[in-house]
Amino acid sequence: MNRYPSRTRRTRRWVLLAVLVPAAAFVAYEALDAPRSGGTGTGRPLIGSDAPGGVVAYLVGTGIFARPAPGEQSGEFAAAEDAAAAAGAPLAFSVWTDRQSFDTRAWRDLLQVGRVPFYRPPAIDFRREVAVLVWPATLTAPDALQRAPGLILRGAALQHTAVEVRVAPATDGTPRATPVGRPDVLPYALVTVPRSQWPIPAPPPTVPPLTVSLAQ
């Protein structure tokens, strides 16, 4: 029996190798070139540093919401406004650590109060992330900031044991269903930060130490 493959079989093998090797190289390149994601890996915009020990955060929502009327403010909104006023800070923020309170109080009672809920709250993995809702403080933010069409994420950094989230006013000029620049609306940014970013672990439902600042 002939131990050597025929010329036809050898030719088929070479053709097969010529097809498979470039395909395998392309797949490997695509895997290496794929966007690196943290947190839940949902493809949300990544902001932060790629350096070792850097902090990442995700902008998952922005726009405007109705400013709660006096006497109708939720506890979280009022507490954040009081803290910003006491510190003289231009931004107020509230941290959310579980799905139920975020869906009912942050999303339904604050962001969508008085509106038809066209959009569902974004998918946030509260076992691994915390959600941070940021808006201009009513008493201390400049008028230009309060009239912005939204707030956007500019970066995140580690400040000692706390994570600092930096936001800025959006300037995209996209038309909104609710007109901007009115005294009864406020722009906001909804940001998520993976819990693994803090040097001191804060398992759910603990609120990790976090600060928010206005990017220059």
C-alpha atoms as a PDB file:
ATOM      1  CA  MET A   1       0.000   0.000   0.000  1.00  0.00           C
ATOM      2  CA  ASN A   2       1.286   3.464  -0.866  1.00  0.00           C
ATOM      3  CA  ARG A   3       2.255   5.262   2.354  1.00  0.00           C
ATOM      4  CA  TYR A   4       2.534   8.625   0.687  1.00  0.00           C
ATOM      5  CA  PRO A   5      -0.508  10.783  -0.105  1.00  0.00           C
ATOM      6  CA  SER A   6      -1.332  11.297  -3.704  1.00  0.00           C
ATOM      7  CA  ARG A   7      -0.598  14.587  -5.433  1.00  0.00           C
ATOM      8  CA  THR A   8      -4.326  15.430  -5.374  1.00  0.00           C
ATOM      9  CA  ARG A   9      -4.567  14.917  -1.592  1.00  0.00           C
ATOM     10  CA  ARG A  10      -1.449  17.002  -1.001  1.00  0.00           C
ATOM     11  CA  THR A  11      -2.872  19.780  -3.131  1.00  0.00           C
ATOM     12  CA  ARG A  12      -6.132  19.723  -1.147  1.00  0.00           C
ATOM     13  CA  ARG A  13      -4.215  19.986   2.125  1.00  0.00           C
ATOM     14  CA  TRP A  14      -2.245  23.001   0.901  1.00  0.00           C
ATOM     15  CA  VAL A  15      -5.431  24.714  -0.283  1.00  0.00           C
ATOM     16  CA  LEU A  16      -7.124  24.035   3.069  1.00  0.00           C
ATOM     17  CA  LEU A  17      -4.153  25.461   4.985  1.00  0.00           C
ATOM     18  CA  ALA A  18      -4.097  28.525   2.737  1.00  0.00           C
ATOM     19  CA  VAL A  19      -7.736  29.204   3.664  1.00  0.00           C
ATOM     20  CA  LEU A  20      -7.610  28.383   7.384  1.00  0.00           C
ATOM     21  CA  VAL A  21      -4.424  30.216   8.387  1.00  0.00           C
ATOM     22  CA  PRO A  22      -5.575  33.731   7.314  1.00  0.00           C
ATOM     23  CA  ALA A  23      -9.004  33.088   8.840  1.00  0.00           C
ATOM     24  CA  ALA A  24      -7.461  32.078  12.169  1.00  0.00           C
ATOM     25  CA  ALA A  25      -5.199  35.125  12.113  1.00  0.00           C
ATOM     26  CA  PHE A  26      -8.204  37.394  11.462  1.00  0.00           C
ATOM     27  CA  VAL A  27     -10.155  35.885  14.364  1.00  0.00           C
ATOM     28  CA  ALA A  28      -7.173  36.333  16.687  1.00  0.00           C
ATOM     29  CA  TYR A  29      -6.775  39.950  15.581  1.00  0.00           C
ATOM     30  CA  GLU A  30     -10.450  40.681  16.150  1.00  0.00           C
ATOM     31  CA  ALA A  31     -10.273  39.190  19.646  1.00  0.00           C
ATOM     32  CA  LEU A  32      -7.240  41.290  20.543  1.00  0.00           C
ATOM     33  CA  ASP A  33      -8.649  44.439  18.972  1.00  0.00           C
ATOM     34  CA  ALA A  34     -12.090  44.142  20.617  1.00  0.00           C
ATOM     35  CA  PRO A  35     -12.999  46.978  23.027  1.00  0.00           C
ATOM     36  CA  ARG A  36     -12.029  46.219  26.589  1.00  0.00           C
ATOM     37  CA  SER A  37     -14.896  46.709  29.001  1.00  0.00           C
ATOM     38  CA  GLY A  38     -15.305  46.618  32.757  1.00  0.00           C
ATOM     39  CA  GLY A  39     -18.307  46.372  35.072  1.00  0.00           C
ATOM     40  CA  THR A  40     -21.071  44.500  33.341  1.00  0.00           C
ATOM     41  CA  GLY A  41     -19.472  44.698  29.904  1.00  0.00           C
ATOM     42  CA  THR A  42     -22.620  46.069  28.282  1.00  0.00           C
ATOM     43  CA  GLY A  43     -20.753  48.186  25.757  1.00  0.00           C
ATOM     44  CA  ARG A  44     -21.483  51.457  27.530  1.00  0.00           C
ATOM     45  CA  PRO A  45     -19.155  54.409  26.946  1.00  0.00           C
ATOM     46  CA  LEU A  46     -15.973  53.949  28.977  1.00  0.00           C
ATOM     47  CA  ILE A  47     -14.437  56.945  30.705  1.00  0.00           C
ATOM     48  CA  GLY A  48     -11.337  56.843  32.838  1.00  0.00           C
ATOM     49  CA  SER A  49      -7.715  55.810  32.865  1.00  0.00           C
ATOM     50  CA  ASP A  50      -6.210  52.671  31.382  1.00  0.00           C
ATOM     51  CA  ALA A  51      -3.173  52.966  33.639  1.00  0.00           C
ATOM     52  CA  PRO A  52      -2.692  50.381  36.418  1.00  0.00           C
ATOM     53  CA  GLY A  53      -4.866  51.365  39.331  1.00  0.00           C
ATOM     54  CA  GLY A  54      -6.903  53.729  37.150  1.00  0.00           C
ATOM     55  CA  VAL A  55     -10.613  54.273  37.656  1.00  0.00           C
ATOM     56  CA  VAL A  56     -13.294  53.617  35.069  1.00  0.00           C
ATOM     57  CA  ALA A  57     -16.883  54.809  34.988  1.00  0.00           C
ATOM     58  CA  TYR A  58     -19.778  54.600  32.546  1.00  0.00           C
ATOM     59  CA  LEU A  59     -22.204  57.238  31.328  1.00  0.00           C
ATOM     60  CA  VAL A  60     -25.487  55.358  30.997  1.00  0.00           C
ATOM     61  CA  GLY A  61     -27.946  58.241  30.703  1.00  0.00           C
ATOM     62  CA  THR A  62     -28.205  62.009  30.358  1.00  0.00           C
ATOM     63  CA  GLY A  63     -30.865  64.601  29.646  1.00  0.00           C
ATOM     64  CA  ILE A  64     -33.178  66.749  31.744  1.00  0.00           C
ATOM     65  CA  PHE A  65     -35.777  66.004  34.394  1.00  0.00           C
ATOM     66  CA  ALA A  66     -38.514  67.995  36.090  1.00  0.00           C
ATOM     67  CA  ARG A  67     -37.269  69.924  39.114  1.00  0.00           C
ATOM     68  CA  PRO A  68     -39.235  68.699  42.143  1.00  0.00           C
ATOM     69  CA  ALA A  69     -41.512  71.383  43.545  1.00  0.00           C
ATOM     70  CA  PRO A  70     -40.934  72.555  47.125  1.00  0.00           C
ATOM     71  CA  GLY A  71     -42.629  70.176  49.498  1.00  0.00           C
ATOM     72  CA  GLU A  72     -42.665  67.401  46.884  1.00  0.00           C
ATOM     73  CA  GLN A  73     -38.966  66.551  46.913  1.00  0.00           C
ATOM     74  CA  SER A  74     -37.924  63.003  47.666  1.00  0.00           C
ATOM     75  CA  GLY A  75     -35.686  62.370  50.656  1.00  0.00           C
ATOM     76  CA  GLU A  76     -32.706  61.618  48.450  1.00  0.00           C
ATOM     77  CA  PHE A  77     -33.118  64.752  46.374  1.00  0.00           C
ATOM     78  CA  ALA A  78     -33.517  66.993  49.421  1.00  0.00           C
ATOM     79  CA  ALA A  79     -30.535  65.412  51.218  1.00  0.00           C
ATOM     80  CA  ALA A  80     -28.296  65.860  48.170  1.00  0.00           C
ATOM     81  CA  GLU A  81     -29.384  69.477  47.728  1.00  0.00           C
ATOM     82  CA  ASP A  82     -28.729  70.213  51.418  1.00  0.00           C
ATOM     83  CA  ALA A  83     -25.277  68.620  51.249  1.00  0.00           C
ATOM     84  CA  ALA A  84     -24.356  70.636  48.153  1.00  0.00           C
ATOM     85  CA  ALA A  85     -25.584  73.862  49.735  1.00  0.00           C
ATOM     86  CA  ALA A  86     -23.604  73.185  52.919  1.00  0.00           C
ATOM     87  CA  ALA A  87     -20.443  72.540  50.916  1.00  0.00           C
ATOM     88  CA  GLY A  88     -21.026  75.343  48.424  1.00  0.00           C
ATOM     89  CA  ALA A  89     -20.731  72.760  45.646  1.00  0.00           C
ATOM     90  CA  PRO A  90     -22.247  73.332  42.192  1.00  0.00           C
ATOM     91  CA  LEU A  91     -23.378  69.713  41.891  1.00  0.00           C
ATOM     92  CA  ALA A  92     -25.713  67.560  43.921  1.00  0.00           C
ATOM     93  CA  PHE A  93     -25.652  63.791  43.638  1.00  0.00           C
ATOM     94  CA  SER A  94     -27.222  60.666  45.045  1.00  0.00           C
ATOM     95  CA  VAL A  95     -25.804  57.144  45.066  1.00  0.00           C
ATOM     96  CA  TRP A  96     -28.044  54.137  44.411  1.00  0.00           C
ATOM     97  CA  THR A  97     -27.048  50.619  45.409  1.00  0.00           C
ATOM     98  CA  ASP A  98     -30.041  48.364  44.722  1.00  0.00           C
ATOM     99  CA  ARG A  99     -32.435  47.803  41.845  1.00  0.00           C
ATOM    100  CA  GLN A 100     -35.720  48.293  43.692  1.00  0.00           C
ATOM    101  CA  SER A 101     -34.966  51.717  45.165  1.00  0.00           C
ATOM    102  CA  PHE A 102     -33.366  52.883  41.925  1.00  0.00           C
ATOM    103  CA  ASP A 103     -36.362  51.805  39.811  1.00  0.00           C
ATOM    104  CA  THR A 104     -38.995  53.286  42.095  1.00  0.00           C
ATOM    105  CA  ARG A 105     -37.405  56.368  43.625  1.00  0.00           C
ATOM    106  CA  ALA A 106     -34.591  57.464  41.298  1.00  0.00           C
ATOM    107  CA  TRP A 107     -36.163  56.559  37.980  1.00  0.00           C
ATOM    108  CA  ARG A 108     -39.925  56.661  38.473  1.00  0.00           C
ATOM    109  CA  ASP A 109     -40.285  59.311  41.172  1.00  0.00           C
ATOM    110  CA  LEU A 110     -37.490  61.631  40.085  1.00  0.00           C
ATOM    111  CA  LEU A 111     -36.372  61.262  36.476  1.00  0.00           C
ATOM    112  CA  GLN A 112     -39.770  60.371  35.019  1.00  0.00           C
ATOM    113  CA  VAL A 113     -42.125  62.144  37.372  1.00  0.00           C
ATOM    114  CA  GLY A 114     -45.161  63.386  35.467  1.00  0.00           C
ATOM    115  CA  ARG A 115     -43.993  61.809  32.194  1.00  0.00           C
ATOM    116  CA  VAL A 116     -45.025  58.803  30.169  1.00  0.00           C
ATOM    117  CA  PRO A 117     -42.262  56.208  30.771  1.00  0.00           C
ATOM    118  CA  PHE A 118     -41.116  55.689  27.184  1.00  0.00           C
ATOM    119  CA  TYR A 119     -37.820  54.231  28.364  1.00  0.00           C
ATOM    120  CA  ARG A 120     -37.075  51.633  30.985  1.00  0.00           C
ATOM    121  CA  PRO A 121     -34.273  52.193  33.491  1.00  0.00           C
ATOM    122  CA  PRO A 122     -30.892  51.098  32.118  1.00  0.00           C
ATOM    123  CA  ALA A 123     -29.568  47.647  32.927  1.00  0.00           C
ATOM    124  CA  ILE A 124     -27.294  48.046  35.951  1.00  0.00           C
ATOM    125  CA  ASP A 125     -25.718  45.143  37.793  1.00  0.00           C
ATOM    126  CA  PHE A 126     -26.031  46.398  41.361  1.00  0.00           C
ATOM    127  CA  ARG A 127     -24.070  43.418  42.656  1.00  0.00           C
ATOM    128  CA  ARG A 128     -21.018  44.839  40.914  1.00  0.00           C
ATOM    129  CA  GLU A 129     -21.828  48.518  40.394  1.00  0.00           C
ATOM    130  CA  VAL A 130     -23.249  51.573  42.046  1.00  0.00           C
ATOM    131  CA  ALA A 131     -25.329  54.154  40.175  1.00  0.00           C
ATOM    132  CA  VAL A 132     -24.660  57.858  40.666  1.00  0.00           C
ATOM    133  CA  LEU A 133     -27.278  60.441  39.699  1.00  0.00           C
ATOM    134  CA  VAL A 134     -25.786  63.939  39.327  1.00  0.00           C
ATOM    135  CA  TRP A 135     -27.550  67.276  38.738  1.00  0.00           C
ATOM    136  CA  PRO A 136     -26.805  71.004  39.281  1.00  0.00           C
ATOM    137  CA  ALA A 137     -27.468  72.067  42.855  1.00  0.00           C
ATOM    138  CA  THR A 138     -30.401  74.481  42.880  1.00  0.00           C
ATOM    139  CA  LEU A 139     -28.853  77.080  45.215  1.00  0.00           C
ATOM    140  CA  THR A 140     -25.187  76.966  44.224  1.00  0.00           C
ATOM    141  CA  ALA A 141     -24.913  75.997  40.522  1.00  0.00           C
ATOM    142  CA  PRO A 142     -24.516  78.804  37.969  1.00  0.00           C
ATOM    143  CA  ASP A 143     -27.463  79.487  35.682  1.00  0.00           C
ATOM    144  CA  ALA A 144     -25.561  78.333  32.597  1.00  0.00           C
ATOM    145  CA  LEU A 145     -25.043  74.916  34.155  1.00  0.00           C
ATOM    146  CA  GLN A 146     -28.689  74.620  35.129  1.00  0.00           C
ATOM    147  CA  ARG A 147     -29.768  75.451  31.563  1.00  0.00           C
ATOM    148  CA  ALA A 148     -27.596  72.764  29.953  1.00  0.00           C
ATOM    149  CA  PRO A 149     -29.313  70.047  27.850  1.00  0.00           C
ATOM    150  CA  GLY A 150     -27.665  67.408  30.021  1.00  0.00           C
ATOM    151  CA  LEU A 151     -24.494  66.496  31.875  1.00  0.00           C
ATOM    152  CA  ILE A 152     -21.768  64.274  30.454  1.00  0.00           C
ATOM    153  CA  LEU A 153     -19.003  62.252  32.055  1.00  0.00           C
ATOM    154  CA  ARG A 154     -15.493  63.679  31.698  1.00  0.00           C
ATOM    155  CA  GLY A 155     -13.456  61.315  33.846  1.00  0.00           C
ATOM    156  CA  ALA A 156     -13.014  59.415  37.079  1.00  0.00           C
ATOM    157  CA  ALA A 157     -10.104  59.316  39.495  1.00  0.00           C
ATOM    158  CA  LEU A 158      -9.102  57.873  42.836  1.00  0.00           C
ATOM    159  CA  GLN A 159      -8.824  60.445  45.595  1.00  0.00           C
ATOM    160  CA  HIS A 160      -7.286  58.731  48.618  1.00  0.00           C
ATOM    161  CA  THR A 161      -9.996  56.183  49.506  1.00  0.00           C
ATOM    162  CA  ALA A 162     -12.818  57.807  47.535  1.00  0.00           C
ATOM    163  CA  VAL A 163     -13.640  57.742  43.828  1.00  0.00           C
ATOM    164  CA  GLU A 164     -14.167  61.128  42.205  1.00  0.00           C
ATOM    165  CA  VAL A 165     -16.537  61.368  39.237  1.00  0.00           C
ATOM    166  CA  ARG A 166     -16.105  64.429  37.018  1.00  0.00           C
ATOM    167  CA  VAL A 167     -18.950  65.736  34.861  1.00  0.00           C
ATOM    168  CA  ALA A 168     -19.455  68.710  32.552  1.00  0.00           C
ATOM    169  CA  PRO A 169     -22.438  70.348  30.820  1.00  0.00           C
ATOM    170  CA  ALA A 170     -23.414  68.862  27.479  1.00  0.00           C
ATOM    171  CA  THR A 171     -23.359  71.160  24.473  1.00  0.00           C
ATOM    172  CA  ASP A 172     -24.745  68.935  21.733  1.00  0.00           C
ATOM    173  CA  GLY A 173     -27.803  71.081  21.040  1.00  0.00           C
ATOM    174  CA  THR A 174     -30.016  68.042  20.449  1.00  0.00           C
ATOM    175  CA  PRO A 175     -33.713  69.000  20.680  1.00  0.00           C
ATOM    176  CA  ARG A 176     -35.415  67.671  23.788  1.00  0.00           C
ATOM    177  CA  ALA A 177     -39.058  66.798  24.376  1.00  0.00           C
ATOM    178  CA  THR A 178     -39.006  69.214  27.312  1.00  0.00           C
ATOM    179  CA  PRO A 179     -37.471  72.613  26.476  1.00  0.00           C
ATOM    180  CA  VAL A 180     -34.201  73.334  28.246  1.00  0.00           C
ATOM    181  CA  GLY A 181     -33.506  76.593  30.014  1.00  0.00           C
ATOM    182  CA  ARG A 182     -36.754  76.551  31.956  1.00  0.00           C
ATOM    183  CA  PRO A 183     -36.753  77.058  35.705  1.00  0.00           C
ATOM    184  CA  ASP A 184     -38.679  73.838  36.270  1.00  0.00           C
ATOM    185  CA  VAL A 185     -36.158  71.422  34.684  1.00  0.00           C
ATOM    186  CA  LEU A 186     -32.617  70.318  35.526  1.00  0.00           C
ATOM    187  CA  PRO A 187     -29.973  68.484  33.490  1.00  0.00           C
ATOM    188  CA  TYR A 188     -28.566  65.248  34.836  1.00  0.00           C
ATOM    189  CA  ALA A 189     -25.956  62.547  34.289  1.00  0.00           C
ATOM    190  CA  LEU A 190     -26.493  58.944  35.290  1.00  0.00           C
ATOM    191  CA  VAL A 191     -23.157  57.233  35.876  1.00  0.00           C
ATOM    192  CA  THR A 192     -22.207  53.757  37.047  1.00  0.00           C
ATOM    193  CA  VAL A 193     -18.932  52.854  38.755  1.00  0.00           C
ATOM    194  CA  PRO A 194     -17.798  49.245  39.305  1.00  0.00           C
ATOM    195  CA  ARG A 195     -17.394  48.376  42.968  1.00  0.00           C
ATOM    196  CA  SER A 196     -13.979  46.892  42.236  1.00  0.00           C
ATOM    197  CA  GLN A 197     -12.632  50.429  41.751  1.00  0.00           C
ATOM    198  CA  TRP A 198     -12.425  51.231  45.472  1.00  0.00           C
ATOM    199  CA  PRO A 199      -9.271  50.213  47.352  1.00  0.00           C
ATOM    200  CA  ILE A 200     -11.398  49.415  50.403  1.00  0.00           C
ATOM    201  CA  PRO A 201     -14.091  46.838  49.529  1.00  0.00           C
ATOM    202  CA  ALA A 202     -17.685  47.962  50.016  1.00  0.00           C
ATOM    203  CA  PRO A 203     -19.953  44.983  49.337  1.00  0.00           C
ATOM    204  CA  PRO A 204     -23.638  45.571  48.543  1.00  0.00           C
ATOM    205  CA  PRO A 205     -25.620  47.361  49.764  1.00  0.00           C
ATOM    206  CA  THR A 206     -22.878  49.518  51.302  1.00  0.00           C
ATOM    207  CA  VAL A 207     -22.444  52.951  49.724  1.00  0.00           C
ATOM    208  CA  PRO A 208     -18.768  53.346  48.803  1.00  0.00           C
ATOM    209  CA  PRO A 209     -17.047  56.702  49.456  1.00  0.00           C
ATOM    210  CA  LEU A 210     -17.636  58.865  46.392  1.00  0.00           C
ATOM    211  CA  THR A 211     -17.363  62.502  45.384  1.00  0.00           C
ATOM    212  CA  VAL A 212     -18.551  64.409  42.312  1.00  0.00           C
ATOM    213  CA  SER A 213     -16.918  67.474  40.777  1.00  0.00           C
ATOM    214  CA  LEU A 214     -17.403  69.801  37.830  1.00  0.00           C
ATOM    215  CA  ALA A 215     -14.754  69.189  35.166  1.00  0.00           C
ATOM    216  CA  GLN A 216     -12.825  72.273  34.029  1.00  0.00           C
END
